[in-house]
Amino acid sequence: MKAATALSAVIAGSFALALASAAKAGPAPAQPGADKCYGVALAGKNDCAAGAGTTCAGTSAVDYDAHAWKYVKKGTCESMTTPKGHGSLTQT
């Protein structure tokens, strides 16, 4: 009986942690001297705006998603090259 109770507690704790993590997902804090650059983030490394099915920062499921942005040094976004093209200051 003790093993079942311990297992239930572990499962409940894991579920609570997952819910708390999802609730905290939001945009990364603003970074002075940086631009939001769309289409340059790797999967799971975006700072926000990842599109349908995601909650925000760190939730992009694909590399170089045109709907996900990442902070980059101001003035460098549009010169960044990815396998899908250049970075963009606007969502496409």
N, C-alpha and C. Protein backbone atom coordinates (compact mmCIF):
# COMPACT_ATOMS: atom_id res chain seq x y z
N MET A 1 0.81 -1.20 0.00
CA MET A 1 0.00 0.00 0.00
C MET A 1 0.86 1.26 0.00
N LYS A 2 2.00 1.24 0.71
CA LYS A 2 2.87 2.41 0.76
C LYS A 2 3.43 2.75 -0.61
N ALA A 3 3.78 1.73 -1.40
CA ALA A 3 4.33 1.95 -2.74
C ALA A 3 3.31 2.63 -3.63
N ALA A 4 2.06 2.23 -3.56
CA ALA A 4 1.00 2.85 -4.37
C ALA A 4 0.80 4.31 -3.98
N THR A 5 0.85 4.59 -2.68
CA THR A 5 0.68 5.96 -2.21
C THR A 5 1.85 6.83 -2.67
N ALA A 6 3.07 6.30 -2.58
CA ALA A 6 4.25 7.04 -3.02
C ALA A 6 4.20 7.30 -4.52
N LEU A 7 3.80 6.29 -5.28
CA LEU A 7 3.69 6.45 -6.72
C LEU A 7 2.65 7.51 -7.07
N SER A 8 1.53 7.50 -6.39
CA SER A 8 0.49 8.50 -6.63
C SER A 8 1.00 9.90 -6.33
N ALA A 9 1.78 10.04 -5.26
CA ALA A 9 2.33 11.34 -4.89
C ALA A 9 3.32 11.83 -5.94
N VAL A 10 4.14 10.93 -6.46
CA VAL A 10 5.11 11.30 -7.51
C VAL A 10 4.39 11.74 -8.78
N ILE A 11 3.38 11.00 -9.17
CA ILE A 11 2.61 11.35 -10.37
C ILE A 11 1.91 12.69 -10.19
N ALA A 12 1.30 12.91 -9.05
CA ALA A 12 0.61 14.18 -8.79
C ALA A 12 1.60 15.34 -8.78
N GLY A 13 2.77 15.13 -8.20
CA GLY A 13 3.79 16.18 -8.17
C GLY A 13 4.30 16.51 -9.56
N SER A 14 4.52 15.50 -10.38
CA SER A 14 4.97 15.71 -11.74
C SER A 14 3.93 16.48 -12.56
N PHE A 15 2.69 16.12 -12.38
CA PHE A 15 1.60 16.80 -13.10
C PHE A 15 1.52 18.27 -12.67
N ALA A 16 1.63 18.53 -11.38
CA ALA A 16 1.57 19.90 -10.87
C ALA A 16 2.74 20.73 -11.40
N LEU A 17 3.92 20.13 -11.47
CA LEU A 17 5.09 20.83 -12.00
C LEU A 17 4.90 21.16 -13.48
N ALA A 18 4.35 20.22 -14.24
CA ALA A 18 4.11 20.47 -15.66
C ALA A 18 3.11 21.61 -15.86
N LEU A 19 2.06 21.62 -15.07
CA LEU A 19 1.07 22.71 -15.17
C LEU A 19 1.67 24.05 -14.79
N ALA A 20 2.48 24.07 -13.76
CA ALA A 20 3.11 25.33 -13.32
C ALA A 20 4.06 25.84 -14.38
N SER A 21 4.81 24.96 -15.02
CA SER A 21 5.73 25.37 -16.08
C SER A 21 4.98 25.95 -17.26
N ALA A 22 3.90 25.31 -17.66
CA ALA A 22 3.11 25.80 -18.79
C ALA A 22 2.48 27.15 -18.48
N ALA A 23 2.06 27.34 -17.25
CA ALA A 23 1.42 28.60 -16.86
C ALA A 23 2.40 29.77 -16.90
N LYS A 24 3.68 29.51 -16.71
CA LYS A 24 4.69 30.56 -16.70
C LYS A 24 5.15 30.95 -18.10
N ALA A 25 4.86 30.11 -19.10
CA ALA A 25 5.33 30.39 -20.45
C ALA A 25 4.74 31.70 -20.93
N GLY A 26 5.59 32.54 -21.42
CA GLY A 26 5.19 33.84 -21.93
C GLY A 26 6.37 34.41 -22.70
N PRO A 27 6.25 35.62 -23.16
CA PRO A 27 7.37 36.20 -23.92
C PRO A 27 8.58 36.42 -23.03
N ALA A 28 9.75 36.34 -23.63
CA ALA A 28 10.98 36.65 -22.91
C ALA A 28 10.96 38.14 -22.57
N PRO A 29 11.58 38.54 -21.47
CA PRO A 29 11.61 39.96 -21.11
C PRO A 29 12.29 40.79 -22.21
N ALA A 30 11.85 42.02 -22.37
CA ALA A 30 12.45 42.92 -23.38
C ALA A 30 13.94 43.06 -23.13
N GLN A 31 14.70 43.14 -24.21
CA GLN A 31 16.15 43.27 -24.11
C GLN A 31 16.59 44.56 -24.78
N PRO A 32 17.11 45.51 -24.01
CA PRO A 32 17.59 46.76 -24.60
C PRO A 32 18.68 46.46 -25.64
N GLY A 33 18.66 47.18 -26.72
CA GLY A 33 19.67 47.00 -27.77
C GLY A 33 19.43 45.79 -28.64
N ALA A 34 18.21 45.26 -28.61
CA ALA A 34 17.90 44.07 -29.40
C ALA A 34 16.63 44.29 -30.22
N ASP A 35 16.55 43.59 -31.34
CA ASP A 35 15.35 43.59 -32.18
C ASP A 35 14.69 42.22 -32.09
N LYS A 36 13.37 42.18 -32.27
CA LYS A 36 12.66 40.92 -32.42
C LYS A 36 12.88 40.49 -33.87
N CYS A 37 13.45 39.32 -34.05
CA CYS A 37 13.76 38.84 -35.39
C CYS A 37 13.00 37.55 -35.65
N TYR A 38 12.12 37.58 -36.63
CA TYR A 38 11.30 36.43 -36.99
C TYR A 38 12.05 35.49 -37.94
N GLY A 39 11.85 34.19 -37.75
CA GLY A 39 12.37 33.21 -38.68
C GLY A 39 13.81 32.76 -38.44
N VAL A 40 14.40 33.12 -37.31
CA VAL A 40 15.79 32.74 -37.06
C VAL A 40 15.97 31.80 -35.87
N ALA A 41 14.92 31.58 -35.10
CA ALA A 41 15.04 30.75 -33.89
C ALA A 41 15.02 29.26 -34.21
N LEU A 42 15.82 28.53 -33.46
CA LEU A 42 15.78 27.08 -33.56
C LEU A 42 14.60 26.57 -32.74
N ALA A 43 14.16 25.36 -33.01
CA ALA A 43 13.05 24.76 -32.28
C ALA A 43 13.32 24.82 -30.78
N GLY A 44 12.34 25.32 -30.03
CA GLY A 44 12.46 25.40 -28.59
C GLY A 44 13.30 26.55 -28.07
N LYS A 45 13.84 27.37 -28.96
CA LYS A 45 14.72 28.47 -28.56
C LYS A 45 14.14 29.85 -28.89
N ASN A 46 12.86 29.89 -29.28
CA ASN A 46 12.24 31.16 -29.62
C ASN A 46 11.92 31.95 -28.36
N ASP A 47 11.84 33.28 -28.49
CA ASP A 47 11.50 34.14 -27.36
C ASP A 47 10.00 34.40 -27.27
N CYS A 48 9.26 34.22 -28.37
CA CYS A 48 7.80 34.29 -28.33
C CYS A 48 7.20 34.19 -29.73
N ALA A 49 5.87 34.39 -29.79
CA ALA A 49 5.07 34.40 -31.03
C ALA A 49 5.31 33.16 -31.88
N ALA A 50 5.12 32.01 -31.30
CA ALA A 50 5.40 30.78 -32.02
C ALA A 50 4.23 30.25 -32.82
N GLY A 51 3.09 30.88 -32.78
CA GLY A 51 1.96 30.46 -33.61
C GLY A 51 1.05 29.46 -32.93
N ALA A 52 0.15 28.93 -33.70
CA ALA A 52 -0.87 28.01 -33.18
C ALA A 52 -0.24 26.78 -32.53
N GLY A 53 -0.83 26.37 -31.42
CA GLY A 53 -0.37 25.18 -30.74
C GLY A 53 0.79 25.39 -29.78
N THR A 54 1.19 26.64 -29.60
CA THR A 54 2.29 26.94 -28.68
C THR A 54 1.83 27.99 -27.67
N THR A 55 2.55 28.10 -26.58
CA THR A 55 2.19 29.08 -25.57
C THR A 55 3.09 30.29 -25.57
N CYS A 56 4.29 30.18 -26.06
CA CYS A 56 5.17 31.33 -26.25
C CYS A 56 6.63 30.92 -26.18
N ALA A 57 7.40 31.58 -25.34
CA ALA A 57 8.85 31.38 -25.30
C ALA A 57 9.23 29.91 -25.15
N GLY A 58 10.13 29.47 -26.03
CA GLY A 58 10.63 28.11 -25.97
C GLY A 58 9.69 27.04 -26.47
N THR A 59 8.63 27.41 -27.16
CA THR A 59 7.63 26.42 -27.56
C THR A 59 7.55 26.16 -29.06
N SER A 60 8.38 26.80 -29.85
CA SER A 60 8.36 26.54 -31.29
C SER A 60 8.81 25.10 -31.54
N ALA A 61 8.11 24.41 -32.40
CA ALA A 61 8.41 23.00 -32.65
C ALA A 61 9.31 22.77 -33.85
N VAL A 62 9.58 23.81 -34.63
CA VAL A 62 10.41 23.66 -35.83
C VAL A 62 11.47 24.75 -35.88
N ASP A 63 12.57 24.45 -36.53
CA ASP A 63 13.62 25.45 -36.74
C ASP A 63 13.16 26.50 -37.74
N TYR A 64 13.54 27.74 -37.50
CA TYR A 64 13.34 28.87 -38.43
C TYR A 64 11.87 29.12 -38.77
N ASP A 65 10.99 28.95 -37.79
CA ASP A 65 9.56 29.20 -37.98
C ASP A 65 9.35 30.70 -38.23
N ALA A 66 8.72 31.04 -39.33
CA ALA A 66 8.49 32.44 -39.69
C ALA A 66 7.55 33.15 -38.72
N HIS A 67 6.86 32.40 -37.87
CA HIS A 67 5.94 33.00 -36.90
C HIS A 67 6.55 33.12 -35.51
N ALA A 68 7.77 32.67 -35.34
CA ALA A 68 8.44 32.73 -34.04
C ALA A 68 9.58 33.75 -34.11
N TRP A 69 9.72 34.53 -33.03
CA TRP A 69 10.82 35.50 -33.02
C TRP A 69 11.80 35.22 -31.90
N LYS A 70 12.99 35.77 -32.08
CA LYS A 70 14.06 35.68 -31.10
C LYS A 70 14.74 37.04 -31.05
N TYR A 71 15.15 37.46 -29.86
CA TYR A 71 15.90 38.70 -29.76
C TYR A 71 17.29 38.52 -30.35
N VAL A 72 17.69 39.47 -31.19
CA VAL A 72 19.04 39.50 -31.76
C VAL A 72 19.58 40.92 -31.62
N LYS A 73 20.87 41.06 -31.73
CA LYS A 73 21.50 42.37 -31.63
C LYS A 73 20.88 43.34 -32.64
N LYS A 74 20.53 44.53 -32.16
CA LYS A 74 19.87 45.54 -32.99
C LYS A 74 20.64 45.75 -34.30
N GLY A 75 19.91 45.75 -35.41
CA GLY A 75 20.50 46.00 -36.72
C GLY A 75 21.05 44.77 -37.43
N THR A 76 20.97 43.59 -36.81
CA THR A 76 21.54 42.39 -37.44
C THR A 76 20.51 41.44 -38.03
N CYS A 77 19.25 41.62 -37.69
CA CYS A 77 18.22 40.65 -38.06
C CYS A 77 18.16 40.36 -39.56
N GLU A 78 17.98 41.38 -40.35
CA GLU A 78 17.74 41.16 -41.78
C GLU A 78 18.97 40.65 -42.53
N SER A 79 20.14 40.72 -41.90
CA SER A 79 21.35 40.18 -42.55
C SER A 79 21.61 38.73 -42.13
N MET A 80 20.81 38.22 -41.20
CA MET A 80 20.97 36.83 -40.78
C MET A 80 20.41 35.90 -41.84
N THR A 81 21.17 34.87 -42.18
CA THR A 81 20.75 33.91 -43.20
C THR A 81 20.51 32.55 -42.55
N THR A 82 19.39 31.94 -42.90
CA THR A 82 19.05 30.60 -42.41
C THR A 82 18.78 29.72 -43.64
N PRO A 83 18.62 28.43 -43.45
CA PRO A 83 18.28 27.56 -44.59
C PRO A 83 16.94 27.95 -45.24
N LYS A 84 16.13 28.76 -44.53
CA LYS A 84 14.83 29.16 -45.08
C LYS A 84 14.82 30.61 -45.56
N GLY A 85 15.97 31.27 -45.56
CA GLY A 85 16.02 32.66 -46.01
C GLY A 85 16.60 33.57 -44.94
N HIS A 86 16.27 34.85 -45.04
CA HIS A 86 16.78 35.86 -44.10
C HIS A 86 15.81 36.08 -42.95
N GLY A 87 16.35 36.61 -41.85
CA GLY A 87 15.52 37.03 -40.74
C GLY A 87 14.67 38.20 -41.16
N SER A 88 13.58 38.43 -40.43
CA SER A 88 12.66 39.51 -40.75
C SER A 88 12.24 40.25 -39.47
N LEU A 89 12.12 41.57 -39.58
CA LEU A 89 11.67 42.37 -38.44
C LEU A 89 10.15 42.31 -38.27
N THR A 90 9.47 41.73 -39.24
CA THR A 90 8.01 41.60 -39.16
C THR A 90 7.61 40.14 -39.38
N GLN A 91 6.50 39.76 -38.78
CA GLN A 91 6.00 38.40 -38.94
C GLN A 91 5.44 38.24 -40.34
N THR A 92 5.78 37.13 -40.98
CA THR A 92 5.28 36.89 -42.34
C THR A 92 4.20 35.85 -42.35
